[in-house]
Amino acid sequence: MSYKKILTVQDISCVGQCSLTVALPIISACGVECAVLPSAVLSTHTYGFNGFTFRDLTDDMPKIKDHFVKEGIKFDAIYTGYLGSAKQIDYVIDFFNQTANDDCVKIVDPAMADNGSLYTGFDIDFVKAMRTLCGKADYVLPNLTEACFLTDTEYKTEYDKSYIDGIIEKLIALGAKNVIFTGVSYREGKTGIVVFENGEYAYYEHDFLPGSCHGTGDIYASAFTGALIRGKNAFESAQIAADYTMECIRATADEKDHWYGAKFEPVLGKLIEMINQ
């Protein structure tokens, strides 16, 4: 298999095990070259830390794109995570249009909401811009809250398959080619991933682990992207990403002082084994 190159676009939180500090090592461990485009630099992520620093890199993004174009740099995949503004989304679309190989895979994690609410600083205008970006994606990876905002659907904590299928239909109507729907639970004590690819549905169910770790969505999306670009199909990639994320949560479960992220590094070897099977 040829050596692939991914560009991932998201922020850098210097401490906190999320965004680029997760994406770069995980994608690299999958055996794929990972180029980065930082959208902002923070001293820490914004959950649980006080007085963090923040530097917005929006104005640098078109300059970086122009340099890539001048140098003839193209990517086999472009994967987006947390984006800080609608303007950044516009710039990402420029990267899609100007730095993608002919067969480039575009993967969008619409990281903007969870537990029924948008993240601080986001509003409906950002949601509308994210709908446009998702419409250009080969794979979109929303959680339930994000999917509801993207499709203007009422958020529910209790639902059935028809509810999830209806949301997926609306996501496809936006223009997204395929959907990897995370955190879908049809029965108590279990959760899973719905994979909708080429008109076909599949579901991978696994145990629901109590508690949560910041950054697991970034871990999941990065592992999915790395596996997919290494040649796994979408269902295999979704399964690998879920299993690896579970390993990260288990590795962190007994560390009460490690509240700010998931210990993904000690179990990278397991991800490499999954990729190479």
C-alpha atoms as a PDB file:
ATOM      1  CA  MET A   1       0.000   0.000   0.000  1.00  0.00           C
ATOM      2  CA  SER A   2       1.305   3.461  -0.906  1.00  0.00           C
ATOM      3  CA  TYR A   3       2.442   5.846   1.806  1.00  0.00           C
ATOM      4  CA  LYS A   4      -0.421   8.257   2.555  1.00  0.00           C
ATOM      5  CA  LYS A   5      -0.367  11.814   3.850  1.00  0.00           C
ATOM      6  CA  ILE A   6      -3.128  13.319   6.010  1.00  0.00           C
ATOM      7  CA  LEU A   7      -3.672  16.965   6.877  1.00  0.00           C
ATOM      8  CA  THR A   8      -5.515  17.464  10.154  1.00  0.00           C
ATOM      9  CA  VAL A   9      -6.967  20.863  11.056  1.00  0.00           C
ATOM     10  CA  GLN A  10      -7.717  21.623  14.716  1.00  0.00           C
ATOM     11  CA  ASP A  11      -6.372  23.496  17.725  1.00  0.00           C
ATOM     12  CA  ILE A  12      -3.346  22.746  19.891  1.00  0.00           C
ATOM     13  CA  SER A  13      -3.959  22.573  23.618  1.00  0.00           C
ATOM     14  CA  CYS A  14      -0.422  22.386  24.969  1.00  0.00           C
ATOM     15  CA  VAL A  15      -1.629  20.393  27.986  1.00  0.00           C
ATOM     16  CA  GLY A  16      -4.789  18.343  28.022  1.00  0.00           C
ATOM     17  CA  GLN A  17      -4.528  15.327  25.675  1.00  0.00           C
ATOM     18  CA  CYS A  18      -6.960  16.489  23.018  1.00  0.00           C
ATOM     19  CA  SER A  19      -7.094  17.922  19.514  1.00  0.00           C
ATOM     20  CA  LEU A  20      -3.706  17.992  17.749  1.00  0.00           C
ATOM     21  CA  THR A  21      -1.757  16.560  20.680  1.00  0.00           C
ATOM     22  CA  VAL A  22      -3.932  13.460  20.274  1.00  0.00           C
ATOM     23  CA  ALA A  23      -4.374  13.428  16.485  1.00  0.00           C
ATOM     24  CA  LEU A  24      -0.699  13.644  15.539  1.00  0.00           C
ATOM     25  CA  PRO A  25       0.598  10.681  17.599  1.00  0.00           C
ATOM     26  CA  ILE A  26      -2.427   8.459  16.927  1.00  0.00           C
ATOM     27  CA  ILE A  27      -2.410   8.965  13.160  1.00  0.00           C
ATOM     28  CA  SER A  28       1.369   8.536  13.125  1.00  0.00           C
ATOM     29  CA  ALA A  29       1.021   5.273  15.073  1.00  0.00           C
ATOM     30  CA  CYS A  30      -1.346   4.053  12.367  1.00  0.00           C
ATOM     31  CA  GLY A  31       1.540   4.338   9.910  1.00  0.00           C
ATOM     32  CA  VAL A  32       0.324   7.443   8.098  1.00  0.00           C
ATOM     33  CA  GLU A  33       2.175  10.722   7.599  1.00  0.00           C
ATOM     34  CA  CYS A  34       0.359  13.426   9.542  1.00  0.00           C
ATOM     35  CA  ALA A  35       0.678  17.082   8.567  1.00  0.00           C
ATOM     36  CA  VAL A  36      -0.947  19.603  10.904  1.00  0.00           C
ATOM     37  CA  LEU A  37      -2.728  22.918  10.518  1.00  0.00           C
ATOM     38  CA  PRO A  38      -3.271  24.479  13.961  1.00  0.00           C
ATOM     39  CA  SER A  39      -6.345  26.695  14.181  1.00  0.00           C
ATOM     40  CA  ALA A  40      -5.371  28.086  17.597  1.00  0.00           C
ATOM     41  CA  VAL A  41      -2.861  27.529  20.395  1.00  0.00           C
ATOM     42  CA  LEU A  42      -4.044  27.238  24.009  1.00  0.00           C
ATOM     43  CA  SER A  43      -1.959  26.661  27.124  1.00  0.00           C
ATOM     44  CA  THR A  44      -4.533  24.037  28.198  1.00  0.00           C
ATOM     45  CA  HIS A  45      -7.928  22.974  26.983  1.00  0.00           C
ATOM     46  CA  THR A  46     -10.905  24.896  28.329  1.00  0.00           C
ATOM     47  CA  TYR A  47     -12.517  22.242  30.526  1.00  0.00           C
ATOM     48  CA  GLY A  48     -11.560  22.421  34.184  1.00  0.00           C
ATOM     49  CA  PHE A  49      -8.595  24.775  33.781  1.00  0.00           C
ATOM     50  CA  ASN A  50      -8.702  28.445  34.773  1.00  0.00           C
ATOM     51  CA  GLY A  51      -6.869  31.353  33.181  1.00  0.00           C
ATOM     52  CA  PHE A  52      -5.717  29.487  30.089  1.00  0.00           C
ATOM     53  CA  THR A  53      -4.023  31.419  27.293  1.00  0.00           C
ATOM     54  CA  PHE A  54      -5.456  31.501  23.781  1.00  0.00           C
ATOM     55  CA  ARG A  55      -3.941  32.610  20.484  1.00  0.00           C
ATOM     56  CA  ASP A  56      -6.218  32.608  17.447  1.00  0.00           C
ATOM     57  CA  LEU A  57      -4.445  31.496  14.252  1.00  0.00           C
ATOM     58  CA  THR A  58      -7.322  32.161  11.851  1.00  0.00           C
ATOM     59  CA  ASP A  59      -5.384  34.792   9.904  1.00  0.00           C
ATOM     60  CA  ASP A  60      -2.502  32.369   9.351  1.00  0.00           C
ATOM     61  CA  MET A  61      -4.651  29.708   7.702  1.00  0.00           C
ATOM     62  CA  PRO A  62      -4.975  31.252   4.198  1.00  0.00           C
ATOM     63  CA  LYS A  63      -1.256  32.104   4.187  1.00  0.00           C
ATOM     64  CA  ILE A  64      -0.400  28.485   4.962  1.00  0.00           C
ATOM     65  CA  LYS A  65      -2.793  27.324   2.256  1.00  0.00           C
ATOM     66  CA  ASP A  66      -1.213  29.654  -0.306  1.00  0.00           C
ATOM     67  CA  HIS A  67       2.242  28.291   0.558  1.00  0.00           C
ATOM     68  CA  PHE A  68       1.034  24.708   0.194  1.00  0.00           C
ATOM     69  CA  VAL A  69      -0.432  25.550  -3.208  1.00  0.00           C
ATOM     70  CA  LYS A  70       2.777  27.288  -4.306  1.00  0.00           C
ATOM     71  CA  GLU A  71       4.818  24.235  -3.282  1.00  0.00           C
ATOM     72  CA  GLY A  72       2.393  21.816  -4.939  1.00  0.00           C
ATOM     73  CA  ILE A  73       1.642  20.083  -1.629  1.00  0.00           C
ATOM     74  CA  LYS A  74      -1.410  17.799  -1.835  1.00  0.00           C
ATOM     75  CA  PHE A  75      -3.041  15.488   0.676  1.00  0.00           C
ATOM     76  CA  ASP A  76      -4.576  12.020   0.458  1.00  0.00           C
ATOM     77  CA  ALA A  77      -6.956  12.882   3.311  1.00  0.00           C
ATOM     78  CA  ILE A  78      -8.031  16.024   5.160  1.00  0.00           C
ATOM     79  CA  TYR A  79      -9.467  15.539   8.646  1.00  0.00           C
ATOM     80  CA  THR A  80     -10.988  18.397  10.615  1.00  0.00           C
ATOM     81  CA  GLY A  81     -11.637  18.564  14.341  1.00  0.00           C
ATOM     82  CA  TYR A  82     -12.412  21.523  16.598  1.00  0.00           C
ATOM     83  CA  LEU A  83     -12.690  24.747  14.587  1.00  0.00           C
ATOM     84  CA  GLY A  84     -13.125  28.016  16.404  1.00  0.00           C
ATOM     85  CA  SER A  85     -15.253  30.083  14.021  1.00  0.00           C
ATOM     86  CA  ALA A  86     -17.288  30.156  10.833  1.00  0.00           C
ATOM     87  CA  LYS A  87     -14.383  31.961   9.145  1.00  0.00           C
ATOM     88  CA  GLN A  88     -12.133  28.997   9.898  1.00  0.00           C
ATOM     89  CA  ILE A  89     -14.693  26.720   8.287  1.00  0.00           C
ATOM     90  CA  ASP A  90     -14.562  28.872   5.141  1.00  0.00           C
ATOM     91  CA  TYR A  91     -10.780  28.519   5.092  1.00  0.00           C
ATOM     92  CA  VAL A  92     -10.998  24.751   5.547  1.00  0.00           C
ATOM     93  CA  ILE A  93     -13.231  24.575   2.481  1.00  0.00           C
ATOM     94  CA  ASP A  94     -10.463  26.387   0.591  1.00  0.00           C
ATOM     95  CA  PHE A  95      -8.049  23.661   1.701  1.00  0.00           C
ATOM     96  CA  PHE A  96     -10.549  21.055   0.473  1.00  0.00           C
ATOM     97  CA  ASN A  97     -10.705  22.776  -2.899  1.00  0.00           C
ATOM     98  CA  GLN A  98      -7.028  23.561  -3.408  1.00  0.00           C
ATOM     99  CA  THR A  99      -4.851  21.057  -1.513  1.00  0.00           C
ATOM    100  CA  ALA A 100      -6.715  17.781  -1.994  1.00  0.00           C
ATOM    101  CA  ASN A 101      -5.551  15.008  -4.297  1.00  0.00           C
ATOM    102  CA  ASP A 102      -8.103  13.805  -6.820  1.00  0.00           C
ATOM    103  CA  ASP A 103      -9.036  10.886  -4.552  1.00  0.00           C
ATOM    104  CA  CYS A 104      -8.628  12.777  -1.268  1.00  0.00           C
ATOM    105  CA  VAL A 105     -10.840  11.514   1.574  1.00  0.00           C
ATOM    106  CA  LYS A 106     -12.462  14.369   3.508  1.00  0.00           C
ATOM    107  CA  ILE A 107     -13.346  13.528   7.116  1.00  0.00           C
ATOM    108  CA  VAL A 108     -15.234  16.003   9.314  1.00  0.00           C
ATOM    109  CA  ASP A 109     -15.623  15.660  13.065  1.00  0.00           C
ATOM    110  CA  PRO A 110     -18.127  18.463  13.805  1.00  0.00           C
ATOM    111  CA  ALA A 111     -16.715  19.030  17.282  1.00  0.00           C
ATOM    112  CA  MET A 112     -19.110  21.647  18.614  1.00  0.00           C
ATOM    113  CA  ALA A 113     -21.541  20.109  21.124  1.00  0.00           C
ATOM    114  CA  ASP A 114     -22.314  17.359  23.635  1.00  0.00           C
ATOM    115  CA  ASN A 115     -24.947  16.426  26.211  1.00  0.00           C
ATOM    116  CA  GLY A 116     -27.634  18.444  24.455  1.00  0.00           C
ATOM    117  CA  SER A 117     -25.773  21.776  24.315  1.00  0.00           C
ATOM    118  CA  LEU A 118     -23.336  23.646  22.101  1.00  0.00           C
ATOM    119  CA  TYR A 119     -19.862  24.273  23.436  1.00  0.00           C
ATOM    120  CA  THR A 120     -19.235  27.725  24.878  1.00  0.00           C
ATOM    121  CA  GLY A 121     -18.689  30.319  22.152  1.00  0.00           C
ATOM    122  CA  PHE A 122     -20.692  28.557  19.438  1.00  0.00           C
ATOM    123  CA  ASP A 123     -24.057  29.735  18.110  1.00  0.00           C
ATOM    124  CA  ILE A 124     -26.524  28.885  15.358  1.00  0.00           C
ATOM    125  CA  ASP A 125     -24.438  30.743  12.750  1.00  0.00           C
ATOM    126  CA  PHE A 126     -21.554  28.396  13.494  1.00  0.00           C
ATOM    127  CA  VAL A 127     -23.924  25.428  13.210  1.00  0.00           C
ATOM    128  CA  LYS A 128     -25.050  26.648   9.778  1.00  0.00           C
ATOM    129  CA  ALA A 129     -21.428  26.945   8.630  1.00  0.00           C
ATOM    130  CA  MET A 130     -20.690  23.457   9.959  1.00  0.00           C
ATOM    131  CA  ARG A 131     -23.631  22.105   7.964  1.00  0.00           C
ATOM    132  CA  THR A 132     -21.934  23.414   4.822  1.00  0.00           C
ATOM    133  CA  LEU A 133     -18.636  21.757   5.763  1.00  0.00           C
ATOM    134  CA  CYS A 134     -20.338  18.443   6.567  1.00  0.00           C
ATOM    135  CA  GLY A 135     -22.033  18.608   3.193  1.00  0.00           C
ATOM    136  CA  LYS A 136     -18.612  18.414   1.564  1.00  0.00           C
ATOM    137  CA  ALA A 137     -17.407  15.463   3.661  1.00  0.00           C
ATOM    138  CA  ASP A 138     -16.867  11.888   2.553  1.00  0.00           C
ATOM    139  CA  TYR A 139     -17.296  10.888   6.215  1.00  0.00           C
ATOM    140  CA  VAL A 140     -18.925  12.918   8.967  1.00  0.00           C
ATOM    141  CA  LEU A 141     -18.480  11.776  12.588  1.00  0.00           C
ATOM    142  CA  PRO A 142     -21.094  13.425  14.842  1.00  0.00           C
ATOM    143  CA  ASN A 143     -22.204  12.480  18.305  1.00  0.00           C
ATOM    144  CA  LEU A 144     -25.936  12.626  19.032  1.00  0.00           C
ATOM    145  CA  THR A 145     -25.983  16.273  20.140  1.00  0.00           C
ATOM    146  CA  GLU A 146     -24.007  17.421  17.111  1.00  0.00           C
ATOM    147  CA  ALA A 147     -26.187  15.387  14.768  1.00  0.00           C
ATOM    148  CA  CYS A 148     -29.318  16.970  16.238  1.00  0.00           C
ATOM    149  CA  PHE A 149     -27.976  20.500  15.808  1.00  0.00           C
ATOM    150  CA  LEU A 150     -26.825  19.755  12.266  1.00  0.00           C
ATOM    151  CA  THR A 151     -30.237  18.411  11.266  1.00  0.00           C
ATOM    152  CA  ASP A 152     -32.471  20.655  13.399  1.00  0.00           C
ATOM    153  CA  THR A 153     -33.786  17.594  15.227  1.00  0.00           C
ATOM    154  CA  GLU A 154     -35.083  17.499  18.792  1.00  0.00           C
ATOM    155  CA  TYR A 155     -32.424  16.080  21.112  1.00  0.00           C
ATOM    156  CA  LYS A 156     -33.597  12.985  23.002  1.00  0.00           C
ATOM    157  CA  THR A 157     -31.889  10.761  25.542  1.00  0.00           C
ATOM    158  CA  GLU A 158     -34.332   7.928  24.900  1.00  0.00           C
ATOM    159  CA  TYR A 159     -34.904   6.915  21.306  1.00  0.00           C
ATOM    160  CA  ASP A 160     -35.237   4.000  18.910  1.00  0.00           C
ATOM    161  CA  LYS A 161     -33.656   2.997  15.623  1.00  0.00           C
ATOM    162  CA  SER A 162     -36.135   4.987  13.548  1.00  0.00           C
ATOM    163  CA  TYR A 163     -35.069   8.185  15.340  1.00  0.00           C
ATOM    164  CA  ILE A 164     -31.388   7.555  14.544  1.00  0.00           C
ATOM    165  CA  ASP A 165     -32.142   6.484  10.968  1.00  0.00           C
ATOM    166  CA  GLY A 166     -34.126   9.684  10.443  1.00  0.00           C
ATOM    167  CA  ILE A 167     -31.194  11.813  11.604  1.00  0.00           C
ATOM    168  CA  ILE A 168     -28.834   9.957   9.278  1.00  0.00           C
ATOM    169  CA  GLU A 169     -31.173  10.601   6.352  1.00  0.00           C
ATOM    170  CA  LYS A 170     -31.042  14.324   7.149  1.00  0.00           C
ATOM    171  CA  LEU A 171     -27.242  14.275   7.376  1.00  0.00           C
ATOM    172  CA  ILE A 172     -27.051  12.658   3.950  1.00  0.00           C
ATOM    173  CA  ALA A 173     -29.469  15.290   2.669  1.00  0.00           C
ATOM    174  CA  LEU A 174     -26.921  17.939   3.716  1.00  0.00           C
ATOM    175  CA  GLY A 175     -24.508  16.359   1.226  1.00  0.00           C
ATOM    176  CA  ALA A 176     -22.403  14.125   3.476  1.00  0.00           C
ATOM    177  CA  LYS A 177     -21.597  10.919   1.613  1.00  0.00           C
ATOM    178  CA  ASN A 178     -21.236   8.617   4.632  1.00  0.00           C
ATOM    179  CA  VAL A 179     -21.991   8.885   8.360  1.00  0.00           C
ATOM    180  CA  ILE A 180     -20.154   7.445  11.367  1.00  0.00           C
ATOM    181  CA  PHE A 181     -22.641   8.132  14.185  1.00  0.00           C
ATOM    182  CA  THR A 182     -20.979   7.778  17.592  1.00  0.00           C
ATOM    183  CA  GLY A 183     -22.465   7.160  21.029  1.00  0.00           C
ATOM    184  CA  VAL A 184     -25.678   5.478  19.858  1.00  0.00           C
ATOM    185  CA  SER A 185     -27.252   3.367  22.607  1.00  0.00           C
ATOM    186  CA  TYR A 186     -30.233   1.097  22.026  1.00  0.00           C
ATOM    187  CA  ARG A 187     -30.158  -0.700  25.378  1.00  0.00           C
ATOM    188  CA  GLU A 188     -29.016  -0.076  28.929  1.00  0.00           C
ATOM    189  CA  GLY A 189     -25.352  -0.687  29.638  1.00  0.00           C
ATOM    190  CA  LYS A 190     -24.405  -0.662  25.961  1.00  0.00           C
ATOM    191  CA  THR A 191     -23.467   1.956  23.412  1.00  0.00           C
ATOM    192  CA  GLY A 192     -22.043   1.847  19.939  1.00  0.00           C
ATOM    193  CA  ILE A 193     -21.420   3.225  16.487  1.00  0.00           C
ATOM    194  CA  VAL A 194     -23.810   3.340  13.548  1.00  0.00           C
ATOM    195  CA  VAL A 195     -21.947   3.168  10.238  1.00  0.00           C
ATOM    196  CA  PHE A 196     -23.861   4.342   7.186  1.00  0.00           C
ATOM    197  CA  GLU A 197     -21.769   3.861   4.065  1.00  0.00           C
ATOM    198  CA  ASN A 198     -22.878   3.620   0.446  1.00  0.00           C
ATOM    199  CA  GLY A 199     -26.500   3.338   1.510  1.00  0.00           C
ATOM    200  CA  GLU A 200     -25.908   0.429   3.899  1.00  0.00           C
ATOM    201  CA  TYR A 201     -26.351   0.452   7.694  1.00  0.00           C
ATOM    202  CA  ALA A 202     -24.177  -1.433  10.191  1.00  0.00           C
ATOM    203  CA  TYR A 203     -23.952  -1.191  13.981  1.00  0.00           C
ATOM    204  CA  TYR A 204     -21.060  -1.996  16.295  1.00  0.00           C
ATOM    205  CA  GLU A 205     -22.160  -2.329  19.917  1.00  0.00           C
ATOM    206  CA  HIS A 206     -19.861  -2.342  22.909  1.00  0.00           C
ATOM    207  CA  ASP A 207     -20.070  -1.887  26.674  1.00  0.00           C
ATOM    208  CA  PHE A 208     -20.864   1.538  28.073  1.00  0.00           C
ATOM    209  CA  LEU A 209     -18.218   2.529  30.591  1.00  0.00           C
ATOM    210  CA  PRO A 210     -19.434   4.786  33.411  1.00  0.00           C
ATOM    211  CA  GLY A 211     -17.725   8.130  33.743  1.00  0.00           C
ATOM    212  CA  SER A 212     -16.056   9.979  30.921  1.00  0.00           C
ATOM    213  CA  CYS A 213     -12.688  11.344  29.857  1.00  0.00           C
ATOM    214  CA  HIS A 214     -12.100  14.631  28.114  1.00  0.00           C
ATOM    215  CA  GLY A 215     -10.779  14.189  24.576  1.00  0.00           C
ATOM    216  CA  THR A 216     -12.140  10.734  23.818  1.00  0.00           C
ATOM    217  CA  GLY A 217     -13.994  12.100  20.805  1.00  0.00           C
ATOM    218  CA  ASP A 218     -10.681  13.307  19.396  1.00  0.00           C
ATOM    219  CA  ILE A 219      -9.104   9.935  20.131  1.00  0.00           C
ATOM    220  CA  TYR A 220     -11.943   8.167  18.350  1.00  0.00           C
ATOM    221  CA  ALA A 221     -11.931  10.391  15.265  1.00  0.00           C
ATOM    222  CA  SER A 222      -8.140  10.219  14.945  1.00  0.00           C
ATOM    223  CA  ALA A 223      -8.039   6.426  15.237  1.00  0.00           C
ATOM    224  CA  PHE A 224     -10.892   6.100  12.736  1.00  0.00           C
ATOM    225  CA  THR A 225      -9.091   8.361  10.282  1.00  0.00           C
ATOM    226  CA  GLY A 226      -5.775   6.547  10.632  1.00  0.00           C
ATOM    227  CA  ALA A 227      -7.365   3.134  10.191  1.00  0.00           C
ATOM    228  CA  LEU A 228      -9.414   4.230   7.182  1.00  0.00           C
ATOM    229  CA  ILE A 229      -6.461   5.734   5.371  1.00  0.00           C
ATOM    230  CA  ARG A 230      -4.416   2.617   6.117  1.00  0.00           C
ATOM    231  CA  GLY A 231      -6.927   0.671   4.030  1.00  0.00           C
ATOM    232  CA  LYS A 232      -9.487  -0.621   6.524  1.00  0.00           C
ATOM    233  CA  ASN A 233     -13.103  -0.274   5.450  1.00  0.00           C
ATOM    234  CA  ALA A 234     -15.409   2.110   7.302  1.00  0.00           C
ATOM    235  CA  PHE A 235     -16.920  -0.523   9.606  1.00  0.00           C
ATOM    236  CA  GLU A 236     -13.515  -1.991  10.467  1.00  0.00           C
ATOM    237  CA  SER A 237     -12.202   1.527  11.130  1.00  0.00           C
ATOM    238  CA  ALA A 238     -15.185   2.379  13.327  1.00  0.00           C
ATOM    239  CA  GLN A 239     -14.692  -0.836  15.312  1.00  0.00           C
ATOM    240  CA  ILE A 240     -10.945  -0.293  15.742  1.00  0.00           C
ATOM    241  CA  ALA A 241     -11.509   3.297  16.856  1.00  0.00           C
ATOM    242  CA  ALA A 242     -14.174   2.238  19.367  1.00  0.00           C
ATOM    243  CA  ASP A 243     -12.082  -0.596  20.796  1.00  0.00           C
ATOM    244  CA  TYR A 244      -9.023   1.625  21.086  1.00  0.00           C
ATOM    245  CA  THR A 245     -10.977   4.433  22.757  1.00  0.00           C
ATOM    246  CA  MET A 246     -12.327   1.924  25.279  1.00  0.00           C
ATOM    247  CA  GLU A 247      -8.754   0.812  26.024  1.00  0.00           C
ATOM    248  CA  CYS A 248      -7.804   4.442  26.656  1.00  0.00           C
ATOM    249  CA  ILE A 249     -10.719   4.924  29.062  1.00  0.00           C
ATOM    250  CA  ARG A 250      -9.874   1.724  30.934  1.00  0.00           C
ATOM    251  CA  ALA A 251      -6.239   2.815  31.227  1.00  0.00           C
ATOM    252  CA  THR A 252      -7.384   6.043  32.874  1.00  0.00           C
ATOM    253  CA  ALA A 253     -10.203   4.730  35.067  1.00  0.00           C
ATOM    254  CA  ASP A 254      -8.193   4.298  38.269  1.00  0.00           C
ATOM    255  CA  GLU A 255      -6.299   7.582  37.942  1.00  0.00           C
ATOM    256  CA  LYS A 256      -8.407  10.061  39.912  1.00  0.00           C
ATOM    257  CA  ASP A 257      -5.843  12.817  39.450  1.00  0.00           C
ATOM    258  CA  HIS A 258      -5.846  12.326  35.691  1.00  0.00           C
ATOM    259  CA  TRP A 259      -9.144  14.147  35.138  1.00  0.00           C
ATOM    260  CA  TYR A 260      -8.103  16.284  32.160  1.00  0.00           C
ATOM    261  CA  GLY A 261      -7.755  13.599  29.488  1.00  0.00           C
ATOM    262  CA  ALA A 262      -7.423   9.940  28.610  1.00  0.00           C
ATOM    263  CA  LYS A 263      -4.159   8.004  28.861  1.00  0.00           C
ATOM    264  CA  PHE A 264      -3.952   7.059  25.204  1.00  0.00           C
ATOM    265  CA  GLU A 265      -0.175   6.719  25.038  1.00  0.00           C
ATOM    266  CA  PRO A 266       0.305   3.500  27.087  1.00  0.00           C
ATOM    267  CA  VAL A 267      -2.111   1.610  24.826  1.00  0.00           C
ATOM    268  CA  LEU A 268      -0.877   2.862  21.445  1.00  0.00           C
ATOM    269  CA  GLY A 269       0.703  -0.545  20.972  1.00  0.00           C
ATOM    270  CA  LYS A 270      -2.755  -2.124  20.993  1.00  0.00           C
ATOM    271  CA  LEU A 271      -3.902   0.300  18.275  1.00  0.00           C
ATOM    272  CA  ILE A 272      -0.888  -0.629  16.149  1.00  0.00           C
ATOM    273  CA  GLU A 273      -1.742  -4.322  16.574  1.00  0.00           C
ATOM    274  CA  MET A 274      -5.354  -3.685  15.489  1.00  0.00           C
ATOM    275  CA  ILE A 275      -4.225  -1.734  12.420  1.00  0.00           C
ATOM    276  CA  ASN A 276      -1.798  -4.460  11.347  1.00  0.00           C
ATOM    277  CA  GLN A 277      -4.167  -7.421  11.770  1.00  0.00           C
END
